[in-house]
Protein backbone atom coordinates (compact mmCIF):
# COMPACT_ATOMS: atom_id res chain seq x y z
CA MET A 1 55.31 8.79 -10.45
CA THR A 2 58.61 7.34 -11.80
CA LYS A 3 60.73 9.14 -14.36
CA ASN A 4 59.91 6.43 -16.90
CA ALA A 5 56.19 6.87 -16.29
CA LEU A 6 56.53 10.64 -16.59
CA ARG A 7 58.08 10.19 -20.00
CA GLN A 8 54.90 8.40 -21.11
CA LEU A 9 52.74 11.46 -20.50
CA PRO A 10 51.64 13.11 -23.75
CA SER A 11 51.83 16.78 -24.57
CA VAL A 12 48.71 18.95 -24.57
CA ASP A 13 48.95 19.13 -28.36
CA ARG A 14 49.00 15.33 -28.76
CA VAL A 15 45.90 14.93 -26.59
CA TRP A 16 44.16 17.70 -28.54
CA ARG A 17 44.91 15.98 -31.85
CA ALA A 18 43.68 12.63 -30.49
CA LEU A 19 40.42 14.22 -29.37
CA GLU A 20 40.10 16.08 -32.66
CA ALA A 21 40.43 12.81 -34.56
CA ARG A 22 37.54 11.42 -32.50
CA GLY A 23 35.40 14.48 -33.23
CA ALA A 24 35.22 15.10 -29.51
CA VAL A 25 36.18 18.78 -29.42
CA ASP A 26 33.99 20.37 -32.07
CA ALA A 27 31.18 21.36 -29.68
CA TYR A 28 33.35 22.99 -26.99
CA PRO A 29 35.36 26.23 -26.67
CA ARG A 30 39.09 25.64 -27.27
CA ALA A 31 40.03 27.22 -23.92
CA LEU A 32 37.76 24.79 -22.06
CA VAL A 33 39.22 21.75 -23.84
CA ILE A 34 42.79 22.87 -23.18
CA ARG A 35 42.02 23.40 -19.50
CA GLU A 36 40.51 19.91 -19.20
CA ILE A 37 43.52 18.36 -20.99
CA ARG A 38 45.97 20.07 -18.64
CA ASP A 39 43.94 19.01 -15.59
CA ALA A 40 43.94 15.38 -16.78
CA ILE A 41 47.71 15.39 -17.42
CA ASP A 42 48.35 17.00 -14.01
CA ALA A 43 46.16 14.34 -12.35
CA ALA A 44 48.17 11.59 -14.05
CA ARG A 45 51.44 13.23 -13.00
CA ALA A 46 50.19 13.36 -9.39
CA GLY A 47 49.28 9.67 -9.46
CA GLU A 48 45.53 10.30 -9.41
CA ALA A 49 44.88 8.61 -12.76
CA PRO A 50 43.82 5.05 -13.63
CA ALA A 51 46.45 2.29 -13.60
CA THR A 52 46.66 2.23 -17.39
CA THR A 53 47.69 5.89 -17.32
CA ALA A 54 50.26 5.38 -14.62
CA ALA A 55 52.02 2.32 -16.04
CA GLY A 56 50.86 1.69 -19.60
CA SER A 57 52.54 2.20 -22.96
CA ARG A 58 52.78 5.67 -24.47
CA GLU A 59 49.71 5.03 -26.65
CA ALA A 60 47.75 3.54 -23.74
CA VAL A 61 48.52 6.60 -21.63
CA LEU A 62 47.42 8.92 -24.44
CA SER A 63 44.21 6.95 -24.95
CA ALA A 64 43.39 6.93 -21.22
CA ILE A 65 43.95 10.67 -20.81
CA ALA A 66 41.95 11.45 -23.97
CA ALA A 67 39.09 9.27 -22.66
CA THR A 68 39.16 11.08 -19.32
CA VAL A 69 38.98 14.47 -21.03
CA GLU A 70 36.18 13.28 -23.31
CA ASP A 71 34.15 12.08 -20.31
CA ARG A 72 34.62 15.42 -18.55
CA LEU A 73 33.64 17.39 -21.64
CA ARG A 74 30.57 15.22 -22.17
CA ALA A 75 29.51 15.75 -18.55
CA ARG A 76 29.95 19.52 -18.89
CA GLY A 77 28.07 19.60 -22.16
CA LYS A 78 25.10 17.68 -20.81
CA GLY A 79 24.70 19.94 -17.81
CA GLY A 80 22.45 18.70 -15.09
CA PRO A 81 20.41 17.16 -13.79
CA ARG A 82 20.47 14.53 -16.55
CA ARG A 83 18.02 11.77 -17.22
CA VAL A 84 19.38 8.39 -16.14
CA ILE A 85 18.03 4.85 -16.42
CA ASN A 86 17.34 3.31 -13.04
CA GLY A 87 18.30 -0.35 -13.10
CA THR A 88 18.69 -0.58 -9.32
CA GLY A 89 15.10 -1.63 -8.63
CA VAL A 90 14.68 1.14 -6.02
CA ALA A 91 11.46 2.80 -7.18
CA LEU A 92 11.78 5.87 -4.93
CA HIS A 93 15.54 6.37 -5.18
CA THR A 94 16.30 9.69 -3.46
CA ASN A 95 19.60 10.18 -5.33
CA LEU A 96 17.78 9.66 -8.63
CA GLY A 97 14.95 12.13 -7.96
CA ARG A 98 12.45 9.80 -6.22
CA ALA A 99 9.09 9.38 -7.97
CA VAL A 100 8.96 9.37 -11.77
CA LEU A 101 6.12 11.60 -12.96
CA SER A 102 3.16 10.14 -14.80
CA GLU A 103 2.53 10.89 -18.46
CA ALA A 104 -0.31 13.21 -17.46
CA ALA A 105 1.94 15.09 -15.04
CA ARG A 106 4.71 15.47 -17.65
CA GLN A 107 2.22 16.84 -20.17
CA ALA A 108 0.84 19.27 -17.58
CA VAL A 109 4.35 20.57 -16.81
CA ALA A 110 5.16 20.99 -20.51
CA SER A 111 1.92 22.86 -21.13
CA VAL A 112 2.46 25.31 -18.28
CA ALA A 113 6.19 25.72 -18.97
CA GLY A 114 5.58 26.56 -22.63
CA GLY A 115 3.53 29.69 -22.05
CA TYR A 116 1.84 31.95 -19.53
CA SER A 117 -0.66 30.48 -17.08
CA ASP A 118 -3.45 31.48 -14.71
CA LEU A 119 -1.22 30.72 -11.73
CA GLU A 120 -2.59 33.52 -9.57
CA LEU A 121 -5.46 34.81 -11.68
CA ASP A 122 -9.15 34.05 -11.27
CA LEU A 123 -10.31 33.77 -14.88
CA THR A 124 -13.97 34.09 -13.80
CA THR A 125 -13.61 37.45 -12.08
CA GLY A 126 -10.39 38.72 -13.65
CA GLU A 127 -9.08 39.40 -10.15
CA ARG A 128 -5.94 38.12 -8.48
CA GLY A 129 -6.30 34.60 -7.13
CA SER A 130 -4.22 32.16 -5.07
CA ARG A 131 -2.04 29.45 -6.57
CA LEU A 132 -3.32 27.10 -3.88
CA ASP A 133 -6.85 27.39 -5.27
CA HIS A 134 -5.79 25.14 -8.16
CA VAL A 135 -5.04 22.22 -5.86
CA GLU A 136 -6.78 22.60 -2.49
CA GLY A 137 -10.17 21.30 -3.58
CA LEU A 138 -8.55 18.28 -5.22
CA ILE A 139 -6.55 17.42 -2.09
CA ARG A 140 -9.67 17.78 0.04
CA GLU A 141 -11.58 15.43 -2.25
CA VAL A 142 -8.84 12.80 -2.24
CA THR A 143 -8.05 12.91 1.50
CA GLY A 144 -11.40 13.87 3.06
CA ALA A 145 -9.80 16.82 4.90
CA GLU A 146 -11.55 20.13 5.55
CA ALA A 147 -8.69 22.20 4.14
CA ALA A 148 -5.23 21.84 2.59
CA LEU A 149 -2.14 23.75 1.51
CA VAL A 150 1.08 22.91 -0.32
CA VAL A 151 4.69 24.02 0.19
CA ASN A 152 7.96 22.90 -1.34
CA ASN A 153 8.64 19.74 0.72
CA ASN A 154 7.48 17.93 3.83
CA ALA A 155 10.18 19.41 6.07
CA ALA A 156 8.85 22.82 5.05
CA ALA A 157 5.30 21.75 5.90
CA VAL A 158 6.46 20.60 9.35
CA LEU A 159 8.37 23.85 9.87
CA LEU A 160 5.35 25.92 8.87
CA ALA A 161 2.96 24.00 11.11
CA LEU A 162 5.21 24.21 14.16
CA ASP A 163 6.00 27.88 13.61
CA THR A 164 2.28 28.61 13.30
CA LEU A 165 1.00 26.49 16.17
CA ALA A 166 3.84 26.40 18.69
CA GLU A 167 6.38 29.20 18.27
CA GLY A 168 7.99 29.91 21.64
CA ARG A 169 6.03 27.13 23.34
CA GLU A 170 6.33 23.39 23.98
CA VAL A 171 5.70 20.50 21.58
CA ILE A 172 5.45 17.03 23.10
CA VAL A 173 6.78 14.14 21.00
CA SER A 174 7.85 10.55 21.64
CA ARG A 175 11.60 10.03 21.93
CA GLY A 176 11.31 7.03 19.62
CA GLN A 177 9.96 9.22 16.82
CA LEU A 178 12.79 11.75 16.57
CA VAL A 179 13.86 10.64 13.12
CA GLU A 180 16.74 11.73 10.92
CA ILE A 181 15.82 12.27 7.28
CA GLY A 182 18.03 12.46 4.21
CA GLY A 183 21.24 14.49 4.15
CA ALA A 184 21.66 14.29 7.97
CA PHE A 185 18.70 16.64 8.54
CA ARG A 186 16.97 15.79 11.80
CA VAL A 187 13.38 16.39 12.87
CA PRO A 188 14.45 17.89 16.25
CA ALA A 189 16.68 20.41 14.42
CA VAL A 190 13.87 21.36 12.03
CA MET A 191 11.55 21.76 15.01
CA ALA A 192 14.07 24.00 16.77
CA LYS A 193 14.23 26.29 13.73
CA SER A 194 10.48 26.82 14.07
CA GLY A 195 10.98 28.38 17.49
CA ALA A 196 9.12 25.58 19.26
CA ARG A 197 10.60 23.92 22.36
CA LEU A 198 10.87 20.16 22.10
CA VAL A 199 9.70 18.01 25.01
CA GLU A 200 10.67 14.35 24.64
CA VAL A 201 8.63 11.68 26.39
CA GLY A 202 8.89 7.92 26.76
CA THR A 203 11.90 5.86 25.74
CA THR A 204 13.41 4.80 22.43
CA ASN A 205 11.28 1.67 22.22
CA LYS A 206 8.27 2.37 24.46
CA THR A 207 6.01 5.40 24.88
CA TYR A 208 2.61 5.36 26.59
CA LEU A 209 -0.32 7.78 26.62
CA ARG A 210 0.41 8.64 30.25
CA ASP A 211 3.86 9.90 29.18
CA TYR A 212 2.23 12.57 27.04
CA GLU A 213 -0.37 13.43 29.66
CA GLU A 214 2.18 13.82 32.47
CA ALA A 215 4.33 16.13 30.31
CA ILE A 216 1.53 18.63 29.58
CA THR A 217 2.07 22.05 31.19
CA PRO A 218 0.56 25.53 30.66
CA GLU A 219 3.37 26.04 28.12
CA THR A 220 2.31 23.08 25.98
CA ALA A 221 1.04 24.14 22.55
CA LEU A 222 0.92 20.91 20.54
CA LEU A 223 1.01 17.11 20.69
CA LEU A 224 3.09 15.72 17.82
CA ARG A 225 3.20 12.23 16.37
CA VAL A 226 5.87 11.37 13.75
CA HIS A 227 5.44 8.33 11.53
CA THR A 228 8.80 6.56 11.33
CA SER A 229 8.54 6.05 7.60
CA ASN A 230 12.25 5.40 7.04
CA TYR A 231 12.90 2.80 9.76
CA ARG A 232 11.12 0.34 12.04
CA VAL A 233 11.58 -0.43 15.73
CA ILE A 234 10.60 -4.04 16.32
CA GLY A 235 10.48 -6.37 19.30
CA PHE A 236 9.76 -5.00 22.79
CA VAL A 237 7.93 -1.85 21.67
CA ALA A 238 4.88 0.28 22.45
CA GLU A 239 3.60 3.50 20.88
CA VAL A 240 0.48 5.61 21.17
CA ALA A 241 -2.06 5.35 18.35
CA LEU A 242 -3.14 8.56 16.67
CA ASP A 243 -6.76 8.30 17.76
CA GLU A 244 -5.64 7.95 21.41
CA LEU A 245 -3.49 11.07 21.08
CA VAL A 246 -6.37 12.95 19.46
CA GLU A 247 -8.68 11.99 22.33
CA LEU A 248 -6.09 13.29 24.83
CA GLY A 249 -5.73 16.51 22.85
CA ARG A 250 -9.48 17.08 22.88
CA ARG A 251 -9.65 16.53 26.66
CA ARG A 252 -6.79 18.93 27.32
CA GLY A 253 -7.65 21.50 24.66
CA LEU A 254 -4.51 20.89 22.61
CA PRO A 255 -4.16 20.46 18.84
CA VAL A 256 -2.62 17.23 17.54
CA MET A 257 -0.31 17.03 14.55
CA GLU A 258 0.94 14.01 12.65
CA ASP A 259 4.01 14.13 10.41
CA LEU A 260 3.13 11.23 8.15
CA GLY A 261 6.13 11.63 5.87
CA SER A 262 5.66 9.03 3.14
CA GLY A 263 2.20 10.21 2.07
CA ALA A 264 0.43 6.99 1.10
CA LEU A 265 -3.00 7.50 -0.46
CA VAL A 266 -3.66 3.83 -1.26
CA GLU A 267 -3.96 0.85 1.06
CA PHE A 268 -0.79 -1.15 0.42
CA ALA A 269 -2.07 -4.01 2.56
CA ALA A 270 -4.76 -4.60 -0.09
CA HIS A 271 -1.94 -5.42 -2.51
CA GLY A 272 -0.20 -7.93 -0.26
CA LEU A 273 2.32 -5.48 1.22
CA PRO A 274 2.70 -4.50 4.89
CA SER A 275 0.17 -1.90 6.00
CA GLU A 276 1.27 1.71 5.66
CA PRO A 277 -0.80 4.45 7.35
CA THR A 278 -2.71 6.47 4.78
CA VAL A 279 -3.45 10.17 4.85
CA GLN A 280 -7.18 9.44 4.75
CA ARG A 281 -6.89 7.28 7.87
CA SER A 282 -5.09 10.04 9.77
CA VAL A 283 -7.72 12.59 8.74
CA ARG A 284 -10.52 10.29 9.89
CA ALA A 285 -8.72 9.78 13.22
CA GLY A 286 -9.20 13.50 13.86
CA ALA A 287 -5.68 14.96 13.61
CA ASP A 288 -5.80 18.75 13.47
CA VAL A 289 -3.03 18.81 10.87
CA VAL A 290 -1.30 16.05 8.88
CA THR A 291 1.81 16.69 6.79
CA PHE A 292 3.31 14.44 4.09
CA SER A 293 5.50 14.35 0.99
CA GLY A 294 4.39 14.59 -2.62
CA ASP A 295 7.26 12.63 -4.19
CA LYS A 296 7.25 9.44 -2.12
CA LEU A 297 4.34 6.98 -2.02
CA LEU A 298 2.00 9.58 -3.50
CA GLY A 299 4.13 9.41 -6.67
CA GLY A 300 4.16 13.09 -7.64
CA PRO A 301 6.64 15.97 -7.65
CA GLN A 302 8.62 17.17 -4.64
CA ALA A 303 6.14 18.97 -2.41
CA GLY A 304 5.00 19.17 1.19
CA ILE A 305 1.26 18.87 1.75
CA ALA A 306 -0.61 19.81 4.91
CA VAL A 307 -4.23 18.83 5.47
CA GLY A 308 -6.53 19.18 8.45
CA ARG A 309 -9.06 21.34 10.21
CA ARG A 310 -10.09 24.50 8.37
CA GLU A 311 -9.12 26.97 11.09
CA VAL A 312 -5.66 25.39 11.56
CA ILE A 313 -4.85 25.37 7.84
CA ALA A 314 -6.12 28.96 7.56
CA ARG A 315 -3.65 30.05 10.23
CA MET A 316 -0.82 28.30 8.40
CA ARG A 317 -1.80 29.93 5.09
CA SER A 318 -1.58 33.40 6.68
CA ASN A 319 1.90 32.72 8.10
CA GLN A 320 4.54 34.94 6.44
CA LEU A 321 6.70 31.84 5.85
CA MET A 322 4.25 30.75 3.14
CA ARG A 323 5.88 33.21 0.76
CA ALA A 324 9.31 31.65 1.31
CA LEU A 325 8.03 28.07 1.13
CA ARG A 326 5.54 28.27 -1.74
CA ILE A 327 5.67 25.93 -4.74
CA ASP A 328 6.20 27.06 -8.31
CA LYS A 329 3.87 26.64 -11.28
CA LEU A 330 5.62 23.52 -12.65
CA THR A 331 5.37 21.65 -9.35
CA LEU A 332 1.75 22.73 -9.00
CA ALA A 333 0.86 21.48 -12.50
CA ALA A 334 2.51 18.11 -11.88
CA LEU A 335 0.86 17.70 -8.47
CA VAL A 336 -2.62 18.48 -9.78
CA ALA A 337 -2.24 15.99 -12.63
CA THR A 338 -0.95 13.30 -10.26
CA LEU A 339 -3.75 13.79 -7.73
CA ARG A 340 -6.42 13.51 -10.42
CA ALA A 341 -5.41 9.88 -10.91
CA TYR A 342 -6.57 9.17 -7.34
CA LEU A 343 -10.15 10.26 -8.01
CA GLU A 344 -11.00 6.95 -9.69
CA PRO A 345 -10.37 3.67 -7.79
CA GLY A 346 -7.46 1.70 -9.25
CA ARG A 347 -6.42 4.39 -11.72
CA ALA A 348 -3.43 5.68 -9.72
CA GLU A 349 -2.04 2.16 -9.41
CA ARG A 350 -2.03 1.94 -13.21
CA GLU A 351 -0.98 5.45 -14.19
CA VAL A 352 1.38 6.68 -11.46
CA PRO A 353 4.80 5.14 -12.26
CA ALA A 354 5.97 4.92 -8.64
CA LEU A 355 2.89 2.95 -7.62
CA ALA A 356 3.01 0.77 -10.74
CA ALA A 357 6.64 -0.10 -9.99
CA LEU A 358 6.03 -0.82 -6.30
CA LEU A 359 2.98 -2.99 -7.03
CA ALA A 360 4.36 -4.81 -10.09
CA GLU A 361 3.55 -8.53 -10.13
CA PRO A 362 6.58 -10.88 -9.96
CA THR A 363 5.22 -12.92 -12.88
CA ALA A 364 5.19 -9.84 -15.11
CA LEU A 365 8.68 -8.89 -13.93
CA ALA A 366 9.93 -12.41 -14.67
CA ALA A 367 8.67 -12.29 -18.26
CA LYS A 368 10.21 -8.84 -18.72
CA ALA A 369 13.56 -10.03 -17.34
CA ARG A 370 13.67 -13.12 -19.56
CA ARG A 371 13.01 -11.04 -22.68
CA LEU A 372 15.74 -8.56 -21.76
CA ALA A 373 18.22 -11.32 -20.93
CA SER A 374 17.63 -12.89 -24.34
CA ARG A 375 18.32 -9.59 -26.11
CA LEU A 376 21.46 -8.98 -24.05
CA ARG A 377 22.86 -12.41 -24.91
CA LEU A 378 22.49 -11.58 -28.60
CA ARG A 379 23.89 -8.03 -28.49
CA ALA A 380 26.37 -8.12 -25.59
CA GLY A 381 27.19 -11.79 -25.03
CA GLY A 382 30.89 -11.02 -25.26
CA LEU A 383 30.71 -9.41 -21.81
CA GLY A 384 29.87 -12.70 -20.12
CA ARG A 385 26.90 -14.84 -19.16
CA PHE A 386 23.48 -13.17 -18.81
CA THR A 387 20.74 -14.87 -16.77
CA ALA A 388 17.31 -13.84 -15.50
CA GLU A 389 16.60 -14.73 -11.89
CA PRO A 390 14.48 -13.74 -8.88
CA ASP A 391 15.75 -11.23 -6.34
CA ALA A 392 14.42 -8.55 -3.97
CA SER A 393 14.47 -4.75 -3.93
CA PRO A 394 13.56 -2.05 -1.36
CA ALA A 395 11.02 0.69 -2.01
CA GLY A 396 13.49 3.47 -1.18
CA GLY A 397 12.89 7.17 -0.52
CA GLY A 398 12.28 6.68 3.19
CA SER A 399 9.18 4.56 2.53
CA LEU A 400 8.11 1.02 3.46
CA PRO A 401 11.23 0.41 5.62
CA GLY A 402 12.32 -3.18 5.94
CA VAL A 403 10.06 -4.32 3.11
CA GLU A 404 11.81 -6.44 0.47
CA LEU A 405 9.76 -6.49 -2.73
CA PRO A 406 10.04 -9.70 -4.78
CA THR A 407 11.55 -8.78 -8.12
CA TRP A 408 13.52 -10.14 -11.09
CA VAL A 409 16.97 -9.11 -12.24
CA ILE A 410 19.31 -9.64 -15.14
CA ALA A 411 22.53 -11.02 -13.66
CA LEU A 412 25.74 -10.67 -15.68
CA GLU A 413 28.68 -12.86 -14.69
CA PRO A 414 31.55 -11.20 -16.56
CA ALA A 415 33.89 -13.18 -18.78
CA ALA A 416 37.27 -14.06 -17.29
CA PRO A 417 39.98 -11.37 -17.67
CA ALA A 418 42.04 -13.84 -19.71
CA ALA A 419 39.27 -13.69 -22.32
CA HIS A 420 39.49 -9.88 -22.42
CA GLY A 421 36.65 -9.62 -19.91
CA MET A 422 35.87 -6.56 -17.78
CA THR A 423 35.45 -6.62 -14.02
CA PRO A 424 31.96 -5.99 -12.58
CA ASN A 425 33.07 -2.57 -11.33
CA GLU A 426 34.45 -1.66 -14.76
CA ILE A 427 31.15 -2.63 -16.37
CA GLU A 428 29.17 -0.65 -13.78
CA ALA A 429 31.37 2.41 -14.42
CA GLY A 430 31.05 1.97 -18.19
CA LEU A 431 27.26 1.87 -17.94
CA ARG A 432 27.32 5.13 -15.95
CA ARG A 433 29.19 6.71 -18.86
CA ALA A 434 26.56 5.62 -21.38
CA ASP A 435 24.15 8.10 -22.94
CA PRO A 436 21.82 8.06 -21.11
CA PRO A 437 23.69 6.66 -18.08
CA VAL A 438 22.46 3.29 -16.79
CA LEU A 439 22.58 2.72 -13.02
CA VAL A 440 22.93 -0.90 -11.85
CA ARG A 441 23.97 -2.88 -8.78
CA VAL A 442 27.13 -4.94 -8.26
CA SER A 443 26.76 -7.88 -5.90
CA GLN A 444 28.92 -10.95 -5.29
CA GLY A 445 30.98 -10.44 -8.41
CA ARG A 446 28.01 -9.92 -10.72
CA VAL A 447 26.31 -6.96 -12.35
CA LEU A 448 22.57 -6.84 -11.60
CA VAL A 449 19.88 -4.95 -13.54
CA ASP A 450 16.51 -4.90 -11.75
CA VAL A 451 13.70 -4.69 -14.29
CA ARG A 452 11.20 -3.29 -11.75
CA THR A 453 12.35 0.25 -12.44
CA LEU A 454 12.87 0.00 -16.21
CA ALA A 455 10.27 1.77 -18.33
CA ARG A 456 9.24 0.07 -21.55
CA GLU A 457 11.06 2.59 -23.72
CA GLU A 458 14.25 2.20 -21.66
CA VAL A 459 14.79 -1.50 -22.34
CA SER A 460 16.36 -0.89 -25.76
CA MET A 461 18.59 1.80 -24.24
CA VAL A 462 19.86 -0.69 -21.66
CA VAL A 463 20.65 -3.17 -24.43
CA GLU A 464 22.57 -0.51 -26.37
CA ALA A 465 24.52 0.54 -23.25
CA PHE A 466 25.70 -3.03 -22.62
CA ALA A 467 26.38 -3.58 -26.32
CA GLY A 468 28.58 -0.50 -26.33
CA LEU A 469 30.82 -2.16 -23.75
CA ALA A 470 30.95 -5.58 -25.36
CA PRO A 471 34.09 -6.59 -27.26
CA ALA A 472 33.84 -6.94 -31.01
CA PRO A 473 33.30 -10.53 -32.27
CA GLY A 474 36.60 -12.37 -32.30
CA ALA A 475 38.37 -9.69 -30.25
CA GLY A 476 39.88 -12.25 -27.90
CA GLU A 477 40.97 -14.76 -30.57
CA THR A 478 44.59 -15.37 -31.46
CA GLN A 479 45.74 -15.40 -35.07
């Protein structure tokens, strides 16, 4: 930083007074505010601050540093995680918490969180019960399985199943199904933690039934099939169907497991989307155990669900890992409420937000986008030109890979800088600083808001967030 630029840096006291004038320090301890001010000034001195701080006028530098401190204080005060508005169109956005809970699930969580519950108490007998008793019968009814259990996510369900069925022995799996899930966690690594020994068969693109059969030894404990729910291999490919693997397992006296991952309970093909294997289909095919997620296509809270034959699930329930992997009362309440929507045909598609978003009709999305664009032109037209137009969005969350869902977006082409316009990236950053933050996409010099993932009550919040960035009427006019 040049000597001239260093002279522009304000004192701690000046920044404090600027923040005090904005009413930005009243809710925070003085020591915290002072520390944040000093950190912001040090960052500017080290050249880590925005351009306006590095080269602007004395007042511009003061304003930029005060704004930085205010943002940091606001973030600290809100804590986390915070509610955000998802304008990306990705219905199962992993970074944004995946599936949004239904109204029934939210009410169930609030009810259980607000008081004591019969989590592990049998109210009929007055004796101690199992938390799984609240949900097992419901899962069995929805999936058709003999038995079920729930842990805290699908990786945990896979770990539990492998530790129970194959610790110290071999598990045969197709090389083309050794997936990597979010956060660089890999199925082979999870399997290794279970104590099972991985035996890969076939090639990346082709695996045949004979590959499994030829790999079976006296040390083989399990045949495993993994649904590649977060990618697709297309072209010159071959894989073994679950029912074929089950038939081989029966002939050789080996259990068969399927890691289904995405956890679909509805037939997406019936809604015009590519077919996704359902849990019910895997159960009918005869898999001994099927594992899947609760917060992907099922549309509930984060959970790992295992269904299958009674004796296999019973062995998993008695595994000492169950204590470490069990779900809490809030997750359980949300999962039960979500699953109840699947008992009546068509109800889940209406009431579970993730399904409603994924299955939304383009005509309804178009009408929603046009209404929002009209409101944005009125309230935030100074930012640039707002239009409603068709686009496409992915499902997200490691589900329906390669599927582009037809959607509608609000596209903002920002005003030219000469007219005091903001760049697309500046607008995107400003929307992230809104309360609540609004997450959007930036593409080809435009800001895009996908209405697929906007709840009805969030539309007005989006309008206010954009309006808060818009210049005041006449701000760019000369006198």
